[in-house]
Amino acid sequence: MLILGIDPSLTCTGWGIVSKVGNRLTHIANGQVKTDAKATLSERLVTLDRELTDVILLHRPDAAAVEEVFVNMNPQSTLKLGQARGVCLLAAARAGLPVAEYATRLVKKAIVGTGGADKTQVQAMLGVLLPGVKLAGADAADALAVAIAHAHLMGSLR
């Protein structure tokens, strides 16, 4: 089973794909979709949709998992993040993928063992779980963590 993990953002959305065979996980690919900050919001959302759709068409995952929105102090930033997240959910659903959603704390707990883990701890565990992985960036690392969390948790969701 191929699992696509997505860490949504209007600026830089991370994506990562892992293969799950039994209890074994293998890294397939990871990357980031960066949008032009000078473009209009609608143009940025179209870029995000197009590039995620390309990833889905290229790798043909069986399922997707998306990180839930992190609410911050700036309502405008939260709203834009929500719009980017909506595009991520739509791209996966339009491709016919079952889509799971996970809170950041649950992803960290599934990867590191504690929901309060920082990004360095998560990235260190990615190196253990996916030996030799070359990360395209912090957002791609977060997306791989979401995919791995789904691989670990999907059986408990049924």
C-alpha atoms as a PDB file:
ATOM      1  CA  MET A   1       0.000   0.000   0.000  1.00  0.00           C
ATOM      2  CA  LEU A   2       1.296   3.451  -0.936  1.00  0.00           C
ATOM      3  CA  ILE A   3       0.428   6.261   1.475  1.00  0.00           C
ATOM      4  CA  LEU A   4       0.651   9.956   0.613  1.00  0.00           C
ATOM      5  CA  GLY A   5       1.217  12.250   3.578  1.00  0.00           C
ATOM      6  CA  ILE A   6       0.559  15.974   3.198  1.00  0.00           C
ATOM      7  CA  ASP A   7       1.630  18.883   5.409  1.00  0.00           C
ATOM      8  CA  PRO A   8      -0.494  21.747   4.029  1.00  0.00           C
ATOM      9  CA  SER A   9       0.655  25.340   3.737  1.00  0.00           C
ATOM     10  CA  LEU A  10       0.008  28.156   1.319  1.00  0.00           C
ATOM     11  CA  THR A  11       3.725  28.973   1.202  1.00  0.00           C
ATOM     12  CA  CYS A  12       5.280  25.505   1.116  1.00  0.00           C
ATOM     13  CA  THR A  13       3.209  22.322   1.242  1.00  0.00           C
ATOM     14  CA  GLY A  14       5.183  19.198   2.045  1.00  0.00           C
ATOM     15  CA  TRP A  15       4.352  15.784   0.622  1.00  0.00           C
ATOM     16  CA  GLY A  16       5.797  12.363   1.249  1.00  0.00           C
ATOM     17  CA  ILE A  17       5.003   8.858   0.085  1.00  0.00           C
ATOM     18  CA  VAL A  18       5.766   5.640   1.909  1.00  0.00           C
ATOM     19  CA  SER A  19       5.068   2.039   1.023  1.00  0.00           C
ATOM     20  CA  LYS A  20       3.636  -0.224   3.699  1.00  0.00           C
ATOM     21  CA  VAL A  21       3.984  -3.985   3.269  1.00  0.00           C
ATOM     22  CA  GLY A  22       2.977  -5.756   6.469  1.00  0.00           C
ATOM     23  CA  ASN A  23       4.854  -3.890   9.201  1.00  0.00           C
ATOM     24  CA  ARG A  24       7.622  -2.740   6.840  1.00  0.00           C
ATOM     25  CA  LEU A  25       7.796   0.873   5.681  1.00  0.00           C
ATOM     26  CA  THR A  26       9.830   2.070   2.723  1.00  0.00           C
ATOM     27  CA  HIS A  27      10.412   5.604   1.524  1.00  0.00           C
ATOM     28  CA  ILE A  28       9.157   6.174  -2.025  1.00  0.00           C
ATOM     29  CA  ALA A  29       9.439   9.943  -2.558  1.00  0.00           C
ATOM     30  CA  ASN A  30       9.083  13.325  -0.885  1.00  0.00           C
ATOM     31  CA  GLY A  31       8.999  16.932  -1.943  1.00  0.00           C
ATOM     32  CA  GLN A  32       7.575  20.375  -1.471  1.00  0.00           C
ATOM     33  CA  VAL A  33       5.137  22.543  -3.417  1.00  0.00           C
ATOM     34  CA  LYS A  34       6.197  26.162  -3.116  1.00  0.00           C
ATOM     35  CA  THR A  35       3.923  28.942  -4.293  1.00  0.00           C
ATOM     36  CA  ASP A  36       4.864  32.446  -5.410  1.00  0.00           C
ATOM     37  CA  ALA A  37       4.144  34.900  -2.598  1.00  0.00           C
ATOM     38  CA  LYS A  38       3.558  37.628  -5.216  1.00  0.00           C
ATOM     39  CA  ALA A  39       0.799  35.645  -6.957  1.00  0.00           C
ATOM     40  CA  THR A  40      -2.853  36.060  -6.051  1.00  0.00           C
ATOM     41  CA  LEU A  41      -4.385  33.697  -3.527  1.00  0.00           C
ATOM     42  CA  SER A  42      -6.375  31.926  -6.238  1.00  0.00           C
ATOM     43  CA  GLU A  43      -3.261  31.488  -8.403  1.00  0.00           C
ATOM     44  CA  ARG A  44      -1.376  30.026  -5.451  1.00  0.00           C
ATOM     45  CA  LEU A  45      -4.194  27.581  -4.733  1.00  0.00           C
ATOM     46  CA  VAL A  46      -4.262  26.505  -8.402  1.00  0.00           C
ATOM     47  CA  THR A  47      -0.494  25.892  -8.276  1.00  0.00           C
ATOM     48  CA  LEU A  48      -0.915  23.777  -5.148  1.00  0.00           C
ATOM     49  CA  ASP A  49      -3.746  21.771  -6.716  1.00  0.00           C
ATOM     50  CA  ARG A  50      -1.892  21.216  -9.993  1.00  0.00           C
ATOM     51  CA  GLU A  51       1.354  20.101  -8.373  1.00  0.00           C
ATOM     52  CA  LEU A  52      -0.312  17.789  -5.843  1.00  0.00           C
ATOM     53  CA  THR A  53      -2.405  16.278  -8.631  1.00  0.00           C
ATOM     54  CA  ASP A  54       0.813  15.664 -10.588  1.00  0.00           C
ATOM     55  CA  VAL A  55       2.331  13.878  -7.554  1.00  0.00           C
ATOM     56  CA  ILE A  56      -0.792  11.723  -7.211  1.00  0.00           C
ATOM     57  CA  LEU A  57      -0.828  10.855 -10.920  1.00  0.00           C
ATOM     58  CA  LEU A  58       2.884  10.019 -10.918  1.00  0.00           C
ATOM     59  CA  HIS A  59       2.965   7.822  -7.802  1.00  0.00           C
ATOM     60  CA  ARG A  60      -0.630   6.475  -7.685  1.00  0.00           C
ATOM     61  CA  PRO A  61      -0.963   6.238  -3.884  1.00  0.00           C
ATOM     62  CA  ASP A  62      -3.704   4.090  -2.346  1.00  0.00           C
ATOM     63  CA  ALA A  63      -4.518   6.460   0.516  1.00  0.00           C
ATOM     64  CA  ALA A  64      -3.764   9.965   1.736  1.00  0.00           C
ATOM     65  CA  ALA A  65      -3.323  11.508   5.164  1.00  0.00           C
ATOM     66  CA  VAL A  66      -3.401  15.248   5.810  1.00  0.00           C
ATOM     67  CA  GLU A  67      -2.254  17.122   8.878  1.00  0.00           C
ATOM     68  CA  GLU A  68      -5.009  19.108  10.580  1.00  0.00           C
ATOM     69  CA  VAL A  69      -4.936  22.909  10.719  1.00  0.00           C
ATOM     70  CA  PHE A  70      -2.773  24.476  13.375  1.00  0.00           C
ATOM     71  CA  VAL A  71      -4.633  27.538  14.662  1.00  0.00           C
ATOM     72  CA  ASN A  72      -2.263  30.399  15.336  1.00  0.00           C
ATOM     73  CA  MET A  73      -2.618  33.939  16.655  1.00  0.00           C
ATOM     74  CA  ASN A  74      -3.136  35.526  13.220  1.00  0.00           C
ATOM     75  CA  PRO A  75      -6.665  34.814  11.936  1.00  0.00           C
ATOM     76  CA  GLN A  76      -5.684  35.696   8.338  1.00  0.00           C
ATOM     77  CA  SER A  77      -2.832  33.172   8.372  1.00  0.00           C
ATOM     78  CA  THR A  78      -5.127  30.514   9.832  1.00  0.00           C
ATOM     79  CA  LEU A  79      -7.733  31.207   7.142  1.00  0.00           C
ATOM     80  CA  LYS A  80      -5.146  30.946   4.330  1.00  0.00           C
ATOM     81  CA  LEU A  81      -3.797  27.711   5.817  1.00  0.00           C
ATOM     82  CA  GLY A  82      -7.349  26.365   5.907  1.00  0.00           C
ATOM     83  CA  GLN A  83      -7.817  27.212   2.240  1.00  0.00           C
ATOM     84  CA  ALA A  84      -4.571  25.461   1.304  1.00  0.00           C
ATOM     85  CA  ARG A  85      -5.611  22.471   3.394  1.00  0.00           C
ATOM     86  CA  GLY A  86      -8.958  22.377   1.578  1.00  0.00           C
ATOM     87  CA  VAL A  87      -7.137  22.179  -1.750  1.00  0.00           C
ATOM     88  CA  CYS A  88      -5.000  19.312  -0.421  1.00  0.00           C
ATOM     89  CA  LEU A  89      -8.083  17.411   0.743  1.00  0.00           C
ATOM     90  CA  LEU A  90      -9.817  18.075  -2.574  1.00  0.00           C
ATOM     91  CA  ALA A  91      -6.872  16.921  -4.721  1.00  0.00           C
ATOM     92  CA  ALA A  92      -6.697  13.609  -2.836  1.00  0.00           C
ATOM     93  CA  ALA A  93     -10.462  13.070  -2.748  1.00  0.00           C
ATOM     94  CA  ARG A  94     -10.853  13.948  -6.436  1.00  0.00           C
ATOM     95  CA  ALA A  95      -8.324  11.199  -7.205  1.00  0.00           C
ATOM     96  CA  GLY A  96     -10.554   8.747  -5.347  1.00  0.00           C
ATOM     97  CA  LEU A  97      -8.210   8.324  -2.384  1.00  0.00           C
ATOM     98  CA  PRO A  98      -9.536   7.676   1.095  1.00  0.00           C
ATOM     99  CA  VAL A  99      -8.302  10.617   3.160  1.00  0.00           C
ATOM    100  CA  ALA A 100      -7.487  10.546   6.877  1.00  0.00           C
ATOM    101  CA  GLU A 101      -6.773  13.609   8.983  1.00  0.00           C
ATOM    102  CA  TYR A 102      -4.427  13.766  11.957  1.00  0.00           C
ATOM    103  CA  ALA A 103      -3.652  16.350  14.604  1.00  0.00           C
ATOM    104  CA  THR A 104      -0.008  17.391  14.837  1.00  0.00           C
ATOM    105  CA  ARG A 105       0.313  16.032  18.382  1.00  0.00           C
ATOM    106  CA  LEU A 106      -0.979  12.612  17.297  1.00  0.00           C
ATOM    107  CA  VAL A 107       1.510  12.496  14.400  1.00  0.00           C
ATOM    108  CA  LYS A 108       4.390  13.339  16.742  1.00  0.00           C
ATOM    109  CA  LYS A 109       3.227  10.729  19.258  1.00  0.00           C
ATOM    110  CA  ALA A 110       3.028   8.056  16.529  1.00  0.00           C
ATOM    111  CA  ILE A 111       6.548   8.869  15.292  1.00  0.00           C
ATOM    112  CA  VAL A 112       8.500   9.831  18.427  1.00  0.00           C
ATOM    113  CA  GLY A 113       6.334   8.552  21.269  1.00  0.00           C
ATOM    114  CA  THR A 114       5.385  11.960  22.646  1.00  0.00           C
ATOM    115  CA  GLY A 115       3.026  14.601  21.271  1.00  0.00           C
ATOM    116  CA  GLY A 116       5.356  17.358  22.456  1.00  0.00           C
ATOM    117  CA  ALA A 117       8.312  16.303  20.277  1.00  0.00           C
ATOM    118  CA  ASP A 118      10.093  19.029  18.324  1.00  0.00           C
ATOM    119  CA  LYS A 119      10.929  18.990  14.615  1.00  0.00           C
ATOM    120  CA  THR A 120      14.490  17.753  15.196  1.00  0.00           C
ATOM    121  CA  GLN A 121      13.250  14.736  17.123  1.00  0.00           C
ATOM    122  CA  VAL A 122      10.726  13.924  14.384  1.00  0.00           C
ATOM    123  CA  GLN A 123      13.391  14.220  11.673  1.00  0.00           C
ATOM    124  CA  ALA A 124      15.786  12.031  13.673  1.00  0.00           C
ATOM    125  CA  MET A 125      13.124   9.319  13.941  1.00  0.00           C
ATOM    126  CA  LEU A 126      12.455   9.571  10.205  1.00  0.00           C
ATOM    127  CA  GLY A 127      16.109   8.655   9.700  1.00  0.00           C
ATOM    128  CA  VAL A 128      15.602   5.583  11.892  1.00  0.00           C
ATOM    129  CA  LEU A 129      12.285   4.535  10.326  1.00  0.00           C
ATOM    130  CA  LEU A 130      13.350   5.280   6.737  1.00  0.00           C
ATOM    131  CA  PRO A 131      17.118   4.658   6.610  1.00  0.00           C
ATOM    132  CA  GLY A 132      18.956   6.713   4.002  1.00  0.00           C
ATOM    133  CA  VAL A 133      16.012   9.044   3.330  1.00  0.00           C
ATOM    134  CA  LYS A 134      16.982  12.358   1.715  1.00  0.00           C
ATOM    135  CA  LEU A 135      14.524  15.009   2.836  1.00  0.00           C
ATOM    136  CA  ALA A 136      13.473  17.768   0.437  1.00  0.00           C
ATOM    137  CA  GLY A 137      12.982  20.070   3.436  1.00  0.00           C
ATOM    138  CA  ALA A 138      11.245  20.454   6.788  1.00  0.00           C
ATOM    139  CA  ASP A 139       7.760  20.457   5.249  1.00  0.00           C
ATOM    140  CA  ALA A 140       8.495  17.248   3.337  1.00  0.00           C
ATOM    141  CA  ALA A 141       9.741  15.697   6.589  1.00  0.00           C
ATOM    142  CA  ASP A 142       6.479  16.643   8.304  1.00  0.00           C
ATOM    143  CA  ALA A 143       4.515  15.110   5.417  1.00  0.00           C
ATOM    144  CA  LEU A 144       6.461  11.837   5.654  1.00  0.00           C
ATOM    145  CA  ALA A 145       5.701  11.810   9.377  1.00  0.00           C
ATOM    146  CA  VAL A 146       1.984  12.147   8.574  1.00  0.00           C
ATOM    147  CA  ALA A 147       2.211   9.244   6.099  1.00  0.00           C
ATOM    148  CA  ILE A 148       4.012   7.070   8.656  1.00  0.00           C
ATOM    149  CA  ALA A 149       1.520   7.984  11.372  1.00  0.00           C
ATOM    150  CA  HIS A 150      -1.271   6.875   9.037  1.00  0.00           C
ATOM    151  CA  ALA A 151       0.558   3.616   8.332  1.00  0.00           C
ATOM    152  CA  HIS A 152       0.773   2.973  12.079  1.00  0.00           C
ATOM    153  CA  LEU A 153      -2.708   4.172  13.003  1.00  0.00           C
ATOM    154  CA  MET A 154      -4.902   3.117  10.078  1.00  0.00           C
ATOM    155  CA  GLY A 155      -5.538  -0.342  11.468  1.00  0.00           C
ATOM    156  CA  SER A 156      -6.750   1.147  14.748  1.00  0.00           C
ATOM    157  CA  LEU A 157      -9.200   3.407  12.892  1.00  0.00           C
ATOM    158  CA  ARG A 158     -11.263   0.551  11.466  1.00  0.00           C
END
